[in-house]
Amino acid sequence: GALPALVAALTACAGIAALALALAR
């Protein structure tokens, strides 16, 4: 279904945001 893909996209987005915050510090 589309739900796993949606969850994967949200997880990737959160991971990228966390990486950006880590690099910004």
Protein backbone atom coordinates (compact mmCIF):
# COMPACT_ATOMS: atom_id res chain seq x y z
CA GLY A 1 0.00 0.00 0.00
CA ALA A 2 0.92 3.66 0.07
CA LEU A 3 1.28 3.84 3.86
CA PRO A 4 4.74 2.19 4.10
CA ALA A 5 6.03 4.49 1.36
CA LEU A 6 4.61 7.49 3.20
CA VAL A 7 6.21 6.39 6.47
CA ALA A 8 9.53 5.84 4.68
CA ALA A 9 9.36 9.32 3.17
CA LEU A 10 8.59 10.89 6.56
CA THR A 11 11.43 8.94 8.17
CA ALA A 12 13.86 10.04 5.47
CA CYS A 13 12.72 13.64 5.87
CA ALA A 14 13.21 13.48 9.63
CA GLY A 15 16.62 11.88 9.18
CA ILE A 16 17.73 14.61 6.76
CA ALA A 17 16.46 17.30 9.13
CA ALA A 18 18.35 15.71 12.05
CA LEU A 19 21.51 15.49 9.94
CA ALA A 20 21.18 19.15 8.93
CA LEU A 21 20.74 20.19 12.56
CA ALA A 22 23.77 18.11 13.57
CA LEU A 23 25.88 19.70 10.83
CA ALA A 24 24.68 23.20 11.69
CA ARG A 25 26.03 22.88 15.23
